[in-house]
């Protein structure tokens, strides 16, 4: 079962998910510890492209967060398919359904997992 604390936040990604058939989107934002950084993570999936957005605010300073899109194979093998700071994109190849998960500077108290997504 996926656990995700959603917050209402106007964003282009969320709007695209509402307007584009087959698009998905989610937003997570929490603070790990009092006085620590606050992490903001958002993703969308439109026409076979998975987009991950990550930022963090530490001591009042906002900056891009390090984010990783990982593909989970049928046997549980995990492969990083895209990574970077701020905005990370991965375009699926073929038409198969693939399972993805995220890692990096995202809140570890919230499981943000897009799960199985059709590529084509």
C-alpha atoms as a PDB file:
ATOM      1  CA  UNK A   1       0.000   0.000   0.000  1.00  0.00           C
ATOM      2  CA  UNK A   2       1.323   3.444  -0.883  1.00  0.00           C
ATOM      3  CA  UNK A   3       1.434   6.127   1.789  1.00  0.00           C
ATOM      4  CA  UNK A   4       1.505   9.726   0.659  1.00  0.00           C
ATOM      5  CA  UNK A   5       0.514  12.916   2.402  1.00  0.00           C
ATOM      6  CA  UNK A   6      -0.886  15.158  -0.292  1.00  0.00           C
ATOM      7  CA  UNK A   7      -1.130  18.908  -0.036  1.00  0.00           C
ATOM      8  CA  UNK A   8      -3.141  21.243  -2.198  1.00  0.00           C
ATOM      9  CA  UNK A   9      -0.665  23.178  -4.269  1.00  0.00           C
ATOM     10  CA  UNK A  10      -1.315  24.858  -7.586  1.00  0.00           C
ATOM     11  CA  UNK A  11       1.313  23.719 -10.013  1.00  0.00           C
ATOM     12  CA  UNK A  12       1.701  23.219 -13.708  1.00  0.00           C
ATOM     13  CA  UNK A  13       2.262  19.511 -13.100  1.00  0.00           C
ATOM     14  CA  UNK A  14      -0.960  19.105 -11.140  1.00  0.00           C
ATOM     15  CA  UNK A  15      -2.869  21.145 -13.712  1.00  0.00           C
ATOM     16  CA  UNK A  16      -1.459  19.041 -16.552  1.00  0.00           C
ATOM     17  CA  UNK A  17      -2.594  15.890 -14.749  1.00  0.00           C
ATOM     18  CA  UNK A  18      -6.140  17.264 -14.641  1.00  0.00           C
ATOM     19  CA  UNK A  19      -6.216  18.416 -18.247  1.00  0.00           C
ATOM     20  CA  UNK A  20      -4.284  15.661 -20.022  1.00  0.00           C
ATOM     21  CA  UNK A  21      -5.949  12.237 -20.196  1.00  0.00           C
ATOM     22  CA  UNK A  22      -3.769   9.515 -18.708  1.00  0.00           C
ATOM     23  CA  UNK A  23      -1.557  11.930 -16.743  1.00  0.00           C
ATOM     24  CA  UNK A  24      -0.804  11.412 -13.064  1.00  0.00           C
ATOM     25  CA  UNK A  25       0.602  13.765 -10.469  1.00  0.00           C
ATOM     26  CA  UNK A  26       1.295  13.947  -6.732  1.00  0.00           C
ATOM     27  CA  UNK A  27       2.821  16.413  -4.314  1.00  0.00           C
ATOM     28  CA  UNK A  28       4.514  15.749  -0.983  1.00  0.00           C
ATOM     29  CA  UNK A  29       5.907  18.307   1.410  1.00  0.00           C
ATOM     30  CA  UNK A  30       6.930  17.748   5.010  1.00  0.00           C
ATOM     31  CA  UNK A  31       9.779  18.467   7.396  1.00  0.00           C
ATOM     32  CA  UNK A  32      11.866  15.530   8.626  1.00  0.00           C
ATOM     33  CA  UNK A  33      12.955  17.048  11.949  1.00  0.00           C
ATOM     34  CA  UNK A  34      12.282  20.331  13.769  1.00  0.00           C
ATOM     35  CA  UNK A  35      14.811  22.901  12.554  1.00  0.00           C
ATOM     36  CA  UNK A  36      15.888  20.677   9.666  1.00  0.00           C
ATOM     37  CA  UNK A  37      15.210  21.101   5.968  1.00  0.00           C
ATOM     38  CA  UNK A  38      11.765  20.993   4.435  1.00  0.00           C
ATOM     39  CA  UNK A  39      11.565  18.899   1.269  1.00  0.00           C
ATOM     40  CA  UNK A  40       9.130  19.459  -1.587  1.00  0.00           C
ATOM     41  CA  UNK A  41       8.629  16.718  -4.161  1.00  0.00           C
ATOM     42  CA  UNK A  42       6.244  16.682  -7.085  1.00  0.00           C
ATOM     43  CA  UNK A  43       5.967  14.384 -10.070  1.00  0.00           C
ATOM     44  CA  UNK A  44       3.880  13.909 -13.141  1.00  0.00           C
ATOM     45  CA  UNK A  45       3.634  11.331 -15.882  1.00  0.00           C
ATOM     46  CA  UNK A  46       2.428  12.500 -19.294  1.00  0.00           C
ATOM     47  CA  UNK A  47       2.620  10.570 -22.567  1.00  0.00           C
ATOM     48  CA  UNK A  48       5.377   8.223 -21.420  1.00  0.00           C
ATOM     49  CA  UNK A  49       7.560  10.863 -19.749  1.00  0.00           C
ATOM     50  CA  UNK A  50       8.069  10.744 -15.987  1.00  0.00           C
ATOM     51  CA  UNK A  51       9.064  14.115 -14.517  1.00  0.00           C
ATOM     52  CA  UNK A  52      10.313  14.466 -10.941  1.00  0.00           C
ATOM     53  CA  UNK A  53      10.635  17.863  -9.250  1.00  0.00           C
ATOM     54  CA  UNK A  54      12.619  18.235  -6.008  1.00  0.00           C
ATOM     55  CA  UNK A  55      13.554  21.204  -3.878  1.00  0.00           C
ATOM     56  CA  UNK A  56      14.461  21.819  -0.276  1.00  0.00           C
ATOM     57  CA  UNK A  57      14.446  24.768   2.088  1.00  0.00           C
ATOM     58  CA  UNK A  58      17.085  24.791   4.812  1.00  0.00           C
ATOM     59  CA  UNK A  59      17.347  27.697   7.265  1.00  0.00           C
ATOM     60  CA  UNK A  60      15.167  29.819   4.985  1.00  0.00           C
ATOM     61  CA  UNK A  61      17.253  29.159   1.867  1.00  0.00           C
ATOM     62  CA  UNK A  62      15.548  27.308  -1.011  1.00  0.00           C
ATOM     63  CA  UNK A  63      17.588  25.246  -3.427  1.00  0.00           C
ATOM     64  CA  UNK A  64      17.117  22.374  -5.891  1.00  0.00           C
ATOM     65  CA  UNK A  65      17.077  18.943  -4.282  1.00  0.00           C
ATOM     66  CA  UNK A  66      18.951  15.900  -5.575  1.00  0.00           C
ATOM     67  CA  UNK A  67      16.447  13.469  -7.100  1.00  0.00           C
ATOM     68  CA  UNK A  68      16.652   9.983  -8.581  1.00  0.00           C
ATOM     69  CA  UNK A  69      14.114   8.117 -10.714  1.00  0.00           C
ATOM     70  CA  UNK A  70      14.584   4.381 -10.276  1.00  0.00           C
ATOM     71  CA  UNK A  71      13.125   1.576 -12.374  1.00  0.00           C
ATOM     72  CA  UNK A  72      12.168  -1.595 -10.501  1.00  0.00           C
ATOM     73  CA  UNK A  73      12.648  -4.758 -12.541  1.00  0.00           C
ATOM     74  CA  UNK A  74      10.454  -7.851 -12.434  1.00  0.00           C
ATOM     75  CA  UNK A  75      12.881  -9.593 -10.075  1.00  0.00           C
ATOM     76  CA  UNK A  76      13.121  -6.564  -7.783  1.00  0.00           C
ATOM     77  CA  UNK A  77      16.345  -5.314  -9.376  1.00  0.00           C
ATOM     78  CA  UNK A  78      16.557  -1.507  -9.019  1.00  0.00           C
ATOM     79  CA  UNK A  79      18.240   0.643 -11.669  1.00  0.00           C
ATOM     80  CA  UNK A  80      18.670   4.420 -11.529  1.00  0.00           C
ATOM     81  CA  UNK A  81      17.412   5.650 -14.907  1.00  0.00           C
ATOM     82  CA  UNK A  82      17.639   9.426 -14.350  1.00  0.00           C
ATOM     83  CA  UNK A  83      19.099  11.679 -11.685  1.00  0.00           C
ATOM     84  CA  UNK A  84      20.060  15.271 -11.073  1.00  0.00           C
ATOM     85  CA  UNK A  85      19.161  18.420  -9.164  1.00  0.00           C
ATOM     86  CA  UNK A  86      15.791  20.147  -9.305  1.00  0.00           C
ATOM     87  CA  UNK A  87      14.005  18.618 -12.299  1.00  0.00           C
ATOM     88  CA  UNK A  88      14.664  15.101 -13.552  1.00  0.00           C
ATOM     89  CA  UNK A  89      13.074  13.600 -16.687  1.00  0.00           C
ATOM     90  CA  UNK A  90      12.836  10.018 -17.894  1.00  0.00           C
ATOM     91  CA  UNK A  91      11.150   8.973 -21.136  1.00  0.00           C
ATOM     92  CA  UNK A  92       9.942   5.378 -21.271  1.00  0.00           C
ATOM     93  CA  UNK A  93      10.981   3.186 -24.175  1.00  0.00           C
ATOM     94  CA  UNK A  94       8.441   0.845 -25.790  1.00  0.00           C
ATOM     95  CA  UNK A  95       4.890   0.210 -24.608  1.00  0.00           C
ATOM     96  CA  UNK A  96       5.392  -2.031 -21.579  1.00  0.00           C
ATOM     97  CA  UNK A  97       4.171  -1.189 -18.087  1.00  0.00           C
ATOM     98  CA  UNK A  98       7.142  -0.319 -15.851  1.00  0.00           C
ATOM     99  CA  UNK A  99       7.409   0.153 -12.106  1.00  0.00           C
ATOM    100  CA  UNK A 100       9.225   3.231 -10.812  1.00  0.00           C
ATOM    101  CA  UNK A 101      10.196   4.695  -7.459  1.00  0.00           C
ATOM    102  CA  UNK A 102      12.022   7.823  -6.290  1.00  0.00           C
ATOM    103  CA  UNK A 103      15.030   8.459  -4.083  1.00  0.00           C
ATOM    104  CA  UNK A 104      17.365  11.306  -3.239  1.00  0.00           C
ATOM    105  CA  UNK A 105      16.708  14.428  -1.195  1.00  0.00           C
ATOM    106  CA  UNK A 106      13.048  13.700  -0.674  1.00  0.00           C
ATOM    107  CA  UNK A 107      11.276  13.307   2.628  1.00  0.00           C
ATOM    108  CA  UNK A 108      12.011   9.873   4.056  1.00  0.00           C
ATOM    109  CA  UNK A 109       8.903   9.933   6.279  1.00  0.00           C
ATOM    110  CA  UNK A 110       6.660   9.941   3.210  1.00  0.00           C
ATOM    111  CA  UNK A 111       6.647   7.147   0.656  1.00  0.00           C
ATOM    112  CA  UNK A 112       6.328   8.808  -2.728  1.00  0.00           C
ATOM    113  CA  UNK A 113       6.007   6.009  -5.257  1.00  0.00           C
ATOM    114  CA  UNK A 114       4.417   6.357  -8.702  1.00  0.00           C
ATOM    115  CA  UNK A 115       4.275   2.561  -9.003  1.00  0.00           C
ATOM    116  CA  UNK A 116       3.416   0.866 -12.305  1.00  0.00           C
ATOM    117  CA  UNK A 117       3.057   3.215 -15.281  1.00  0.00           C
ATOM    118  CA  UNK A 118       2.358   2.374 -18.935  1.00  0.00           C
ATOM    119  CA  UNK A 119       5.031   3.729 -21.253  1.00  0.00           C
ATOM    120  CA  UNK A 120       3.229   3.919 -24.569  1.00  0.00           C
END
